[in-house]
Amino acid sequence: MKINDHRVSIIIPVYNGAAYISDAILSVKQQSYTNWECIIINDGSTDNTAEIIHTLTVNDSRFICKEQQNKGLSATRNAGLELAEGTFIQFLDADDVLLPFKLEKQLTHLETEGGKALVSYTDYATGSTADIYKPDPYYITGKFKSRNYLNELIERWEFDMSIPPHAFIFSAAIFKEEGVQFDTSLPNHEDFDCWIQVLKQNVGVIYLDEKLCIYRITEGSMSKKMRLMGEGFLQVIDKHLSLAGYTKKTRQILYAKRLKVLQHYRRFDRMNRYEKLLSIRVLSLYYIKRIFSV
C-alpha cells in the first residue's frame, strides 16, 4: 500500500483538559505525515478547554471539533469512531502526545509488511505531570513476548505489561466492520476490554521498537484509585468469562487473571469459596498485618 493514500483519523476525547490539551493538539500539528483528520470531542468540559481547542485549530480544516454533554471517556471515543473517515485509527488522550514521526514511521512499517497487519503498536516513553517532555521514571513494558497476543494480553496486562492507547494504530475496518467499541458500562479498564475485543478477531499485529509517543503520569489520576480500578478490572474479566468463543486455554487464563486481580486489589468480598481457598496465604498475611497494626 502507498502510505500517503491513507488518511489517519486521530481521535481525541477531552474533559476539563485545559491544562494539557494544547500539548496533544500541537503534537498532532507537528506530525511529519500530513494526511490526517483530527476529531476532537469536548465531553462537556466546564473549564476553558473549548476556547483553547478553538484557538489552536480554527485555521486548520483537518481538525473536526465537536461539543457534547458529558458522557464519559468510552462514549466519547465511540462518538469519534462514528465520525472517523480514515483508513486507520489513532487514539490520543488529551493529556498525552505523539512524537513528530509517529504516524509516518508506523505507516511506513505497515507498508513494508505488505498490509498484512491490521494493528501496529510502538514503544512509549513516560513524562511528568507538569511537563510531559520531562521523563518520568515510571514505565511498564508494552512488548509482547509471543504471537499468542490475546492470551498474553490477558495474562500480563497491568502487572508486567501496559500499552497506552496512543501507542497503537488500528485499521479502521476493525471498528467499522467488526463492530468493536469501547464498553460504556465500565468505570475504567475500557482500553483493556477493547484490546481483548480486537485481538479476539485474530488480527495481524506488528511491533515497531521505537518510543514514538509519550504517556503523561498524572498525579491523582484514576490509576491511583485502587478499589475503583480493581472493580473495573474485575468487570472486564467477568464480562469475557460470560462470553462464548474463547478456547479452553484462554478461559483458564481469564480465571487465573481474575484470581490475581482479586488478590492484588484485596477484593476478598468478591471471592468465591474456591478462590478464598487458593488465597489462604494472601488472606492470612493481610489479616495478620491488620491485627498487628491496631
C-alpha atoms as a PDB file:
ATOM      1  CA  MET A   1       0.000   0.000   0.000  1.00  0.00           C
ATOM      2  CA  LYS A   2       1.080   3.585  -0.575  1.00  0.00           C
ATOM      3  CA  ILE A   3       1.015   5.243   2.795  1.00  0.00           C
ATOM      4  CA  ASN A   4       0.204   8.730   1.505  1.00  0.00           C
ATOM      5  CA  ASP A   5      -3.051   7.400   0.049  1.00  0.00           C
ATOM      6  CA  HIS A   6      -4.394   6.605   3.505  1.00  0.00           C
ATOM      7  CA  ARG A   7      -5.932   9.095   5.855  1.00  0.00           C
ATOM      8  CA  VAL A   8      -5.414   8.592   9.579  1.00  0.00           C
ATOM      9  CA  SER A   9      -8.282   9.542  11.874  1.00  0.00           C
ATOM     10  CA  ILE A  10      -6.869  10.833  15.150  1.00  0.00           C
ATOM     11  CA  ILE A  11      -9.478  10.771  17.923  1.00  0.00           C
ATOM     12  CA  ILE A  12      -9.021  12.993  20.981  1.00  0.00           C
ATOM     13  CA  PRO A  13     -11.659  12.849  23.737  1.00  0.00           C
ATOM     14  CA  VAL A  14     -11.304  15.602  26.315  1.00  0.00           C
ATOM     15  CA  TYR A  15     -12.995  16.567  29.564  1.00  0.00           C
ATOM     16  CA  ASN A  16     -11.702  19.553  31.549  1.00  0.00           C
ATOM     17  CA  GLY A  17      -8.358  19.212  29.827  1.00  0.00           C
ATOM     18  CA  ALA A  18      -7.319  22.863  29.723  1.00  0.00           C
ATOM     19  CA  ALA A  19      -4.015  22.133  31.456  1.00  0.00           C
ATOM     20  CA  TYR A  20      -2.861  19.638  28.849  1.00  0.00           C
ATOM     21  CA  ILE A  21      -4.918  19.720  25.642  1.00  0.00           C
ATOM     22  CA  SER A  22      -2.595  22.175  23.897  1.00  0.00           C
ATOM     23  CA  ASP A  23       0.294  19.675  24.141  1.00  0.00           C
ATOM     24  CA  ALA A  24      -1.840  16.986  22.485  1.00  0.00           C
ATOM     25  CA  ILE A  25      -3.062  19.255  19.677  1.00  0.00           C
ATOM     26  CA  LEU A  26       0.383  20.667  18.942  1.00  0.00           C
ATOM     27  CA  SER A  27       1.823  17.146  18.769  1.00  0.00           C
ATOM     28  CA  VAL A  28      -0.738  16.348  16.059  1.00  0.00           C
ATOM     29  CA  LYS A  29       0.067  19.519  14.113  1.00  0.00           C
ATOM     30  CA  GLN A  30       3.768  18.631  14.220  1.00  0.00           C
ATOM     31  CA  GLN A  31       3.332  15.241  12.559  1.00  0.00           C
ATOM     32  CA  SER A  32       5.608  14.692   9.556  1.00  0.00           C
ATOM     33  CA  TYR A  33       2.788  12.673   7.974  1.00  0.00           C
ATOM     34  CA  THR A  34       0.122  15.161   6.943  1.00  0.00           C
ATOM     35  CA  ASN A  35      -2.771  13.087   5.566  1.00  0.00           C
ATOM     36  CA  TRP A  36      -4.809  13.027   8.735  1.00  0.00           C
ATOM     37  CA  GLU A  37      -8.021  14.289  10.232  1.00  0.00           C
ATOM     38  CA  CYS A  38      -8.187  15.022  13.938  1.00  0.00           C
ATOM     39  CA  ILE A  39     -11.531  14.590  15.658  1.00  0.00           C
ATOM     40  CA  ILE A  40     -11.619  16.397  18.995  1.00  0.00           C
ATOM     41  CA  ILE A  41     -14.717  15.816  21.106  1.00  0.00           C
ATOM     42  CA  ASN A  42     -15.191  18.077  24.101  1.00  0.00           C
ATOM     43  CA  ASP A  43     -17.119  15.930  26.570  1.00  0.00           C
ATOM     44  CA  GLY A  44     -18.974  18.670  28.439  1.00  0.00           C
ATOM     45  CA  SER A  45     -15.923  20.447  29.881  1.00  0.00           C
ATOM     46  CA  THR A  46     -16.637  23.158  32.456  1.00  0.00           C
ATOM     47  CA  ASP A  47     -13.229  24.863  32.202  1.00  0.00           C
ATOM     48  CA  ASN A  48     -11.845  26.788  29.195  1.00  0.00           C
ATOM     49  CA  THR A  49     -10.992  23.670  27.180  1.00  0.00           C
ATOM     50  CA  ALA A  50     -13.284  24.758  24.331  1.00  0.00           C
ATOM     51  CA  GLU A  51     -11.523  28.129  23.976  1.00  0.00           C
ATOM     52  CA  ILE A  52      -8.087  26.511  23.797  1.00  0.00           C
ATOM     53  CA  ILE A  53      -9.267  23.998  21.191  1.00  0.00           C
ATOM     54  CA  HIS A  54     -10.770  26.775  19.050  1.00  0.00           C
ATOM     55  CA  THR A  55      -7.640  28.942  19.222  1.00  0.00           C
ATOM     56  CA  LEU A  56      -5.320  26.099  18.178  1.00  0.00           C
ATOM     57  CA  THR A  57      -7.473  24.569  15.428  1.00  0.00           C
ATOM     58  CA  VAL A  58      -9.530  27.359  13.865  1.00  0.00           C
ATOM     59  CA  ASN A  59      -7.232  27.808  10.856  1.00  0.00           C
ATOM     60  CA  ASP A  60      -6.700  24.119  10.072  1.00  0.00           C
ATOM     61  CA  SER A  61      -9.556  22.334   8.285  1.00  0.00           C
ATOM     62  CA  ARG A  62      -8.137  18.931   9.208  1.00  0.00           C
ATOM     63  CA  PHE A  63      -9.493  19.419  12.719  1.00  0.00           C
ATOM     64  CA  ILE A  64     -13.101  18.374  13.345  1.00  0.00           C
ATOM     65  CA  CYS A  65     -14.207  19.764  16.703  1.00  0.00           C
ATOM     66  CA  LYS A  66     -17.433  18.692  18.378  1.00  0.00           C
ATOM     67  CA  GLU A  67     -19.163  19.535  21.647  1.00  0.00           C
ATOM     68  CA  GLN A  68     -21.376  17.177  23.612  1.00  0.00           C
ATOM     69  CA  GLN A  69     -22.906  16.836  27.055  1.00  0.00           C
ATOM     70  CA  ASN A  70     -20.739  14.802  29.396  1.00  0.00           C
ATOM     71  CA  LYS A  71     -20.999  11.097  28.532  1.00  0.00           C
ATOM     72  CA  GLY A  72     -17.686   9.678  29.719  1.00  0.00           C
ATOM     73  CA  LEU A  73     -14.500   8.510  28.033  1.00  0.00           C
ATOM     74  CA  SER A  74     -15.811   5.373  26.332  1.00  0.00           C
ATOM     75  CA  ALA A  75     -18.878   7.041  24.825  1.00  0.00           C
ATOM     76  CA  THR A  76     -16.717   9.926  23.624  1.00  0.00           C
ATOM     77  CA  ARG A  77     -14.216   7.635  21.911  1.00  0.00           C
ATOM     78  CA  ASN A  78     -17.130   5.786  20.304  1.00  0.00           C
ATOM     79  CA  ALA A  79     -18.530   9.101  19.061  1.00  0.00           C
ATOM     80  CA  GLY A  80     -15.156   9.801  17.478  1.00  0.00           C
ATOM     81  CA  LEU A  81     -15.191   6.406  15.780  1.00  0.00           C
ATOM     82  CA  GLU A  82     -18.607   7.208  14.315  1.00  0.00           C
ATOM     83  CA  LEU A  83     -17.229  10.377  12.719  1.00  0.00           C
ATOM     84  CA  ALA A  84     -13.932   8.886  11.549  1.00  0.00           C
ATOM     85  CA  GLU A  85     -13.430   8.578   7.783  1.00  0.00           C
ATOM     86  CA  GLY A  86      -9.805   7.456   7.755  1.00  0.00           C
ATOM     87  CA  THR A  87      -8.317   4.110   6.767  1.00  0.00           C
ATOM     88  CA  PHE A  88      -6.529   3.972  10.105  1.00  0.00           C
ATOM     89  CA  ILE A  89      -7.467   4.969  13.647  1.00  0.00           C
ATOM     90  CA  GLN A  90      -5.093   6.709  16.048  1.00  0.00           C
ATOM     91  CA  PHE A  91      -6.388   7.312  19.580  1.00  0.00           C
ATOM     92  CA  LEU A  92      -4.845  10.123  21.614  1.00  0.00           C
ATOM     93  CA  ASP A  93      -5.886  11.088  25.126  1.00  0.00           C
ATOM     94  CA  ALA A  94      -5.917  14.809  25.850  1.00  0.00           C
ATOM     95  CA  ASP A  95      -3.030  14.663  28.321  1.00  0.00           C
ATOM     96  CA  ASP A  96      -0.667  12.628  26.110  1.00  0.00           C
ATOM     97  CA  VAL A  97       1.353  13.388  22.973  1.00  0.00           C
ATOM     98  CA  LEU A  98       2.531  11.817  19.735  1.00  0.00           C
ATOM     99  CA  LEU A  99       6.156  12.356  18.733  1.00  0.00           C
ATOM    100  CA  PRO A 100       6.635  14.023  15.312  1.00  0.00           C
ATOM    101  CA  PHE A 101       7.409  10.916  13.225  1.00  0.00           C
ATOM    102  CA  LYS A 102       4.863   8.624  14.895  1.00  0.00           C
ATOM    103  CA  LEU A 103       2.352   8.334  12.066  1.00  0.00           C
ATOM    104  CA  GLU A 104       4.938   8.300   9.273  1.00  0.00           C
ATOM    105  CA  LYS A 105       7.102   5.609  10.835  1.00  0.00           C
ATOM    106  CA  GLN A 106       4.216   3.326  11.753  1.00  0.00           C
ATOM    107  CA  LEU A 107       2.556   3.591   8.363  1.00  0.00           C
ATOM    108  CA  THR A 108       5.870   3.011   6.588  1.00  0.00           C
ATOM    109  CA  HIS A 109       6.388  -0.055   8.775  1.00  0.00           C
ATOM    110  CA  LEU A 110       2.928  -1.291   7.819  1.00  0.00           C
ATOM    111  CA  GLU A 111       3.778  -0.771   4.153  1.00  0.00           C
ATOM    112  CA  THR A 112       6.906  -2.918   4.451  1.00  0.00           C
ATOM    113  CA  GLU A 113       4.745  -5.688   5.902  1.00  0.00           C
ATOM    114  CA  GLY A 114       2.639  -5.723   2.741  1.00  0.00           C
ATOM    115  CA  GLY A 115      -0.516  -4.619   4.504  1.00  0.00           C
ATOM    116  CA  LYS A 116      -0.896  -7.949   6.328  1.00  0.00           C
ATOM    117  CA  ALA A 117      -1.118  -6.388   9.776  1.00  0.00           C
ATOM    118  CA  LEU A 118      -4.264  -4.669  10.976  1.00  0.00           C
ATOM    119  CA  VAL A 119      -2.715  -3.463  14.229  1.00  0.00           C
ATOM    120  CA  SER A 120       0.600  -1.686  14.687  1.00  0.00           C
ATOM    121  CA  TYR A 121       1.967  -0.652  18.059  1.00  0.00           C
ATOM    122  CA  THR A 122       5.126   1.046  19.275  1.00  0.00           C
ATOM    123  CA  ASP A 123       7.082   1.503  22.445  1.00  0.00           C
ATOM    124  CA  TYR A 124       6.344   4.592  24.529  1.00  0.00           C
ATOM    125  CA  ALA A 125       8.039   6.976  26.945  1.00  0.00           C
ATOM    126  CA  THR A 126       6.585   8.434  30.147  1.00  0.00           C
ATOM    127  CA  GLY A 127       6.508  12.111  31.051  1.00  0.00           C
ATOM    128  CA  SER A 128       5.903  14.077  34.243  1.00  0.00           C
ATOM    129  CA  THR A 129       2.666  15.782  35.158  1.00  0.00           C
ATOM    130  CA  ALA A 130       3.779  19.372  34.738  1.00  0.00           C
ATOM    131  CA  ASP A 131       5.952  18.817  31.672  1.00  0.00           C
ATOM    132  CA  ILE A 132       5.237  15.760  29.552  1.00  0.00           C
ATOM    133  CA  TYR A 133       8.589  16.152  27.806  1.00  0.00           C
ATOM    134  CA  LYS A 134      10.397  15.752  31.137  1.00  0.00           C
ATOM    135  CA  PRO A 135      10.945  11.977  31.640  1.00  0.00           C
ATOM    136  CA  ASP A 136       9.194  10.179  34.486  1.00  0.00           C
ATOM    137  CA  PRO A 137      10.765   7.005  35.930  1.00  0.00           C
ATOM    138  CA  TYR A 138       7.522   5.002  35.848  1.00  0.00           C
ATOM    139  CA  TYR A 139       7.459   2.516  32.979  1.00  0.00           C
ATOM    140  CA  ILE A 140       5.992  -0.932  32.235  1.00  0.00           C
ATOM    141  CA  THR A 141       6.974  -2.651  29.017  1.00  0.00           C
ATOM    142  CA  GLY A 142       4.415  -2.842  26.245  1.00  0.00           C
ATOM    143  CA  LYS A 143       6.131  -5.502  24.166  1.00  0.00           C
ATOM    144  CA  PHE A 144       4.570  -8.909  23.581  1.00  0.00           C
ATOM    145  CA  LYS A 145       6.856 -11.902  24.086  1.00  0.00           C
ATOM    146  CA  SER A 146       4.977 -14.250  21.763  1.00  0.00           C
ATOM    147  CA  ARG A 147       2.494 -14.263  18.891  1.00  0.00           C
ATOM    148  CA  ASN A 148      -0.310 -15.534  21.099  1.00  0.00           C
ATOM    149  CA  TYR A 149      -1.391 -11.952  21.573  1.00  0.00           C
ATOM    150  CA  LEU A 150      -4.802 -12.488  23.131  1.00  0.00           C
ATOM    151  CA  ASN A 151      -3.701 -14.894  25.852  1.00  0.00           C
ATOM    152  CA  GLU A 152      -0.584 -12.901  26.635  1.00  0.00           C
ATOM    153  CA  LEU A 153      -2.503  -9.620  26.863  1.00  0.00           C
ATOM    154  CA  ILE A 154      -4.920 -11.110  29.391  1.00  0.00           C
ATOM    155  CA  GLU A 155      -2.198 -12.822  31.388  1.00  0.00           C
ATOM    156  CA  ARG A 156       0.253  -9.926  31.632  1.00  0.00           C
ATOM    157  CA  TRP A 157      -1.914  -6.793  31.441  1.00  0.00           C
ATOM    158  CA  GLU A 158      -1.171  -4.125  34.037  1.00  0.00           C
ATOM    159  CA  PHE A 159       1.113  -6.263  36.218  1.00  0.00           C
ATOM    160  CA  ASP A 160       4.057  -6.517  33.828  1.00  0.00           C
ATOM    161  CA  MET A 161       2.682  -5.140  30.578  1.00  0.00           C
ATOM    162  CA  SER A 162       0.925  -1.926  29.586  1.00  0.00           C
ATOM    163  CA  ILE A 163       0.272  -0.360  26.181  1.00  0.00           C
ATOM    164  CA  PRO A 164      -1.239   3.140  26.233  1.00  0.00           C
ATOM    165  CA  PRO A 165      -3.957   3.731  23.625  1.00  0.00           C
ATOM    166  CA  HIS A 166      -1.855   6.151  21.564  1.00  0.00           C
ATOM    167  CA  ALA A 167       0.911   3.570  21.050  1.00  0.00           C
ATOM    168  CA  PHE A 168      -1.430   1.791  18.602  1.00  0.00           C
ATOM    169  CA  ILE A 169      -2.575   2.430  15.078  1.00  0.00           C
ATOM    170  CA  PHE A 170      -5.561   0.295  14.082  1.00  0.00           C
ATOM    171  CA  SER A 171      -7.106  -0.478  10.737  1.00  0.00           C
ATOM    172  CA  ALA A 172     -10.466   1.288  10.801  1.00  0.00           C
ATOM    173  CA  ALA A 173     -12.051  -1.925   9.500  1.00  0.00           C
ATOM    174  CA  ILE A 174     -11.695  -3.462  12.975  1.00  0.00           C
ATOM    175  CA  PHE A 175     -14.184  -0.934  14.302  1.00  0.00           C
ATOM    176  CA  LYS A 176     -16.286  -0.314  11.188  1.00  0.00           C
ATOM    177  CA  GLU A 177     -16.721  -3.916  10.045  1.00  0.00           C
ATOM    178  CA  GLU A 178     -16.235  -5.980  13.199  1.00  0.00           C
ATOM    179  CA  GLY A 179     -18.298  -3.726  15.450  1.00  0.00           C
ATOM    180  CA  VAL A 180     -15.623  -3.289  18.112  1.00  0.00           C
ATOM    181  CA  GLN A 181     -16.418  -0.442  20.514  1.00  0.00           C
ATOM    182  CA  PHE A 182     -15.487   0.816  23.961  1.00  0.00           C
ATOM    183  CA  ASP A 183     -17.828  -0.504  26.652  1.00  0.00           C
ATOM    184  CA  THR A 184     -19.664   2.444  28.207  1.00  0.00           C
ATOM    185  CA  SER A 185     -20.745   0.394  31.242  1.00  0.00           C
ATOM    186  CA  LEU A 186     -17.179   0.090  32.562  1.00  0.00           C
ATOM    187  CA  PRO A 187     -15.884   2.584  35.154  1.00  0.00           C
ATOM    188  CA  ASN A 188     -12.305   2.024  33.899  1.00  0.00           C
ATOM    189  CA  HIS A 189     -10.160  -0.561  32.079  1.00  0.00           C
ATOM    190  CA  GLU A 190     -12.198   0.132  28.953  1.00  0.00           C
ATOM    191  CA  ASP A 191      -8.968   0.056  26.935  1.00  0.00           C
ATOM    192  CA  PHE A 192      -8.090  -3.442  28.229  1.00  0.00           C
ATOM    193  CA  ASP A 193     -11.580  -4.597  27.285  1.00  0.00           C
ATOM    194  CA  CYS A 194     -11.315  -3.049  23.814  1.00  0.00           C
ATOM    195  CA  TRP A 195      -7.902  -4.587  23.108  1.00  0.00           C
ATOM    196  CA  ILE A 196      -9.315  -8.012  24.079  1.00  0.00           C
ATOM    197  CA  GLN A 197     -12.136  -7.464  21.591  1.00  0.00           C
ATOM    198  CA  VAL A 198      -9.620  -6.518  18.895  1.00  0.00           C
ATOM    199  CA  LEU A 199      -7.239  -9.428  19.477  1.00  0.00           C
ATOM    200  CA  LYS A 200     -10.131 -11.874  19.685  1.00  0.00           C
ATOM    201  CA  GLN A 201     -10.546 -11.211  15.945  1.00  0.00           C
ATOM    202  CA  ASN A 202      -7.175 -12.924  15.387  1.00  0.00           C
ATOM    203  CA  VAL A 203      -5.840  -9.858  13.586  1.00  0.00           C
ATOM    204  CA  GLY A 204      -2.291  -9.401  12.337  1.00  0.00           C
ATOM    205  CA  VAL A 205      -0.103  -7.449  14.764  1.00  0.00           C
ATOM    206  CA  ILE A 206       3.328  -5.849  14.284  1.00  0.00           C
ATOM    207  CA  TYR A 207       5.608  -4.022  16.704  1.00  0.00           C
ATOM    208  CA  LEU A 208       7.862  -1.062  15.965  1.00  0.00           C
ATOM    209  CA  ASP A 209      10.578  -0.914  18.609  1.00  0.00           C
ATOM    210  CA  GLU A 210      10.780   2.855  18.938  1.00  0.00           C
ATOM    211  CA  LYS A 211       9.421   5.238  21.561  1.00  0.00           C
ATOM    212  CA  LEU A 212       7.078   7.254  19.356  1.00  0.00           C
ATOM    213  CA  CYS A 213       4.621   8.624  21.902  1.00  0.00           C
ATOM    214  CA  ILE A 214       4.655   9.853  25.488  1.00  0.00           C
ATOM    215  CA  TYR A 215       2.253   8.883  28.256  1.00  0.00           C
ATOM    216  CA  ARG A 216       1.787  11.516  30.964  1.00  0.00           C
ATOM    217  CA  ILE A 217       1.958  10.259  34.537  1.00  0.00           C
ATOM    218  CA  THR A 218      -0.789  12.368  36.086  1.00  0.00           C
ATOM    219  CA  GLU A 219      -0.876  12.975  39.820  1.00  0.00           C
ATOM    220  CA  GLY A 220      -4.176  11.919  41.370  1.00  0.00           C
ATOM    221  CA  SER A 221      -5.224  10.057  38.224  1.00  0.00           C
ATOM    222  CA  MET A 222      -7.801   7.285  38.229  1.00  0.00           C
ATOM    223  CA  SER A 223      -4.990   4.718  38.089  1.00  0.00           C
ATOM    224  CA  LYS A 224      -4.240   5.610  41.708  1.00  0.00           C
ATOM    225  CA  LYS A 225      -7.788   4.927  42.929  1.00  0.00           C
ATOM    226  CA  MET A 226      -7.123   1.314  43.835  1.00  0.00           C
ATOM    227  CA  ARG A 227     -10.553  -0.009  44.796  1.00  0.00           C
ATOM    228  CA  LEU A 228     -12.326   1.560  41.819  1.00  0.00           C
ATOM    229  CA  MET A 229      -9.630   0.321  39.443  1.00  0.00           C
ATOM    230  CA  GLY A 230      -9.914  -3.182  40.832  1.00  0.00           C
ATOM    231  CA  GLU A 231     -13.671  -3.141  40.336  1.00  0.00           C
ATOM    232  CA  GLY A 232     -13.351  -2.127  36.682  1.00  0.00           C
ATOM    233  CA  PHE A 233     -10.679  -4.758  36.095  1.00  0.00           C
ATOM    234  CA  LEU A 234     -12.944  -7.469  37.526  1.00  0.00           C
ATOM    235  CA  GLN A 235     -15.892  -6.298  35.445  1.00  0.00           C
ATOM    236  CA  VAL A 236     -13.863  -6.740  32.263  1.00  0.00           C
ATOM    237  CA  ILE A 237     -12.712 -10.240  33.218  1.00  0.00           C
ATOM    238  CA  ASP A 238     -16.179 -11.371  34.330  1.00  0.00           C
ATOM    239  CA  LYS A 239     -17.657  -9.957  31.123  1.00  0.00           C
ATOM    240  CA  HIS A 240     -15.362 -12.033  28.938  1.00  0.00           C
ATOM    241  CA  LEU A 241     -15.802 -15.140  31.066  1.00  0.00           C
ATOM    242  CA  SER A 242     -19.522 -14.861  30.292  1.00  0.00           C
ATOM    243  CA  LEU A 243     -18.933 -14.704  26.529  1.00  0.00           C
ATOM    244  CA  ALA A 244     -18.631 -17.569  24.079  1.00  0.00           C
ATOM    245  CA  GLY A 245     -15.896 -18.010  21.522  1.00  0.00           C
ATOM    246  CA  TYR A 246     -12.865 -18.474  23.764  1.00  0.00           C
ATOM    247  CA  THR A 247     -10.679 -21.576  23.807  1.00  0.00           C
ATOM    248  CA  LYS A 248     -10.298 -23.654  26.950  1.00  0.00           C
ATOM    249  CA  LYS A 249      -6.791 -22.247  27.405  1.00  0.00           C
ATOM    250  CA  THR A 250      -7.970 -18.638  27.153  1.00  0.00           C
ATOM    251  CA  ARG A 251     -10.725 -19.272  29.676  1.00  0.00           C
ATOM    252  CA  GLN A 252      -8.183 -20.788  32.068  1.00  0.00           C
ATOM    253  CA  ILE A 253      -6.067 -17.656  31.690  1.00  0.00           C
ATOM    254  CA  LEU A 254      -9.103 -15.454  32.353  1.00  0.00           C
ATOM    255  CA  TYR A 255      -9.875 -17.393  35.567  1.00  0.00           C
ATOM    256  CA  ALA A 256      -6.249 -17.153  36.689  1.00  0.00           C
ATOM    257  CA  LYS A 257      -6.251 -13.434  35.935  1.00  0.00           C
ATOM    258  CA  ARG A 258      -9.420 -12.965  37.938  1.00  0.00           C
ATOM    259  CA  LEU A 259      -7.810 -14.562  40.982  1.00  0.00           C
ATOM    260  CA  LYS A 260      -4.696 -12.426  40.613  1.00  0.00           C
ATOM    261  CA  VAL A 261      -6.756  -9.236  40.380  1.00  0.00           C
ATOM    262  CA  LEU A 262      -8.856 -10.209  43.405  1.00  0.00           C
ATOM    263  CA  GLN A 263      -5.709 -10.784  45.433  1.00  0.00           C
ATOM    264  CA  HIS A 264      -3.853  -7.711  44.227  1.00  0.00           C
ATOM    265  CA  TYR A 265      -6.736  -5.315  44.851  1.00  0.00           C
ATOM    266  CA  ARG A 266      -7.745  -7.119  48.062  1.00  0.00           C
ATOM    267  CA  ARG A 267     -11.250  -7.703  46.821  1.00  0.00           C
ATOM    268  CA  PHE A 268     -11.800 -10.617  49.180  1.00  0.00           C
ATOM    269  CA  ASP A 269     -15.504  -9.762  49.255  1.00  0.00           C
ATOM    270  CA  ARG A 270     -15.716 -10.744  45.580  1.00  0.00           C
ATOM    271  CA  MET A 271     -14.074 -14.145  46.052  1.00  0.00           C
ATOM    272  CA  ASN A 272     -15.992 -17.397  45.894  1.00  0.00           C
ATOM    273  CA  ARG A 273     -15.082 -20.251  48.246  1.00  0.00           C
ATOM    274  CA  TYR A 274     -12.636 -21.820  45.819  1.00  0.00           C
ATOM    275  CA  GLU A 275     -10.865 -18.515  45.251  1.00  0.00           C
ATOM    276  CA  LYS A 276     -10.605 -17.977  49.021  1.00  0.00           C
ATOM    277  CA  LEU A 277      -9.109 -21.448  49.393  1.00  0.00           C
ATOM    278  CA  LEU A 278      -6.498 -20.649  46.756  1.00  0.00           C
ATOM    279  CA  SER A 279      -5.817 -17.340  48.519  1.00  0.00           C
ATOM    280  CA  ILE A 280      -5.272 -18.614  52.073  1.00  0.00           C
ATOM    281  CA  ARG A 281      -1.715 -17.277  52.248  1.00  0.00           C
ATOM    282  CA  VAL A 282      -2.680 -13.859  50.896  1.00  0.00           C
ATOM    283  CA  LEU A 283      -5.686 -13.635  53.216  1.00  0.00           C
ATOM    284  CA  SER A 284      -3.651 -14.730  56.254  1.00  0.00           C
ATOM    285  CA  LEU A 285      -0.902 -12.181  55.653  1.00  0.00           C
ATOM    286  CA  TYR A 286      -3.454  -9.426  55.098  1.00  0.00           C
ATOM    287  CA  TYR A 287      -5.402 -10.054  58.317  1.00  0.00           C
ATOM    288  CA  ILE A 288      -2.274 -10.649  60.422  1.00  0.00           C
ATOM    289  CA  LYS A 289      -0.977  -7.280  59.252  1.00  0.00           C
ATOM    290  CA  ARG A 290      -4.277  -5.617  60.118  1.00  0.00           C
ATOM    291  CA  ILE A 291      -4.369  -7.199  63.601  1.00  0.00           C
ATOM    292  CA  PHE A 292      -0.866  -6.075  64.490  1.00  0.00           C
ATOM    293  CA  SER A 293      -1.404  -2.585  63.086  1.00  0.00           C
ATOM    294  CA  VAL A 294      -4.259  -1.921  65.532  1.00  0.00           C
END
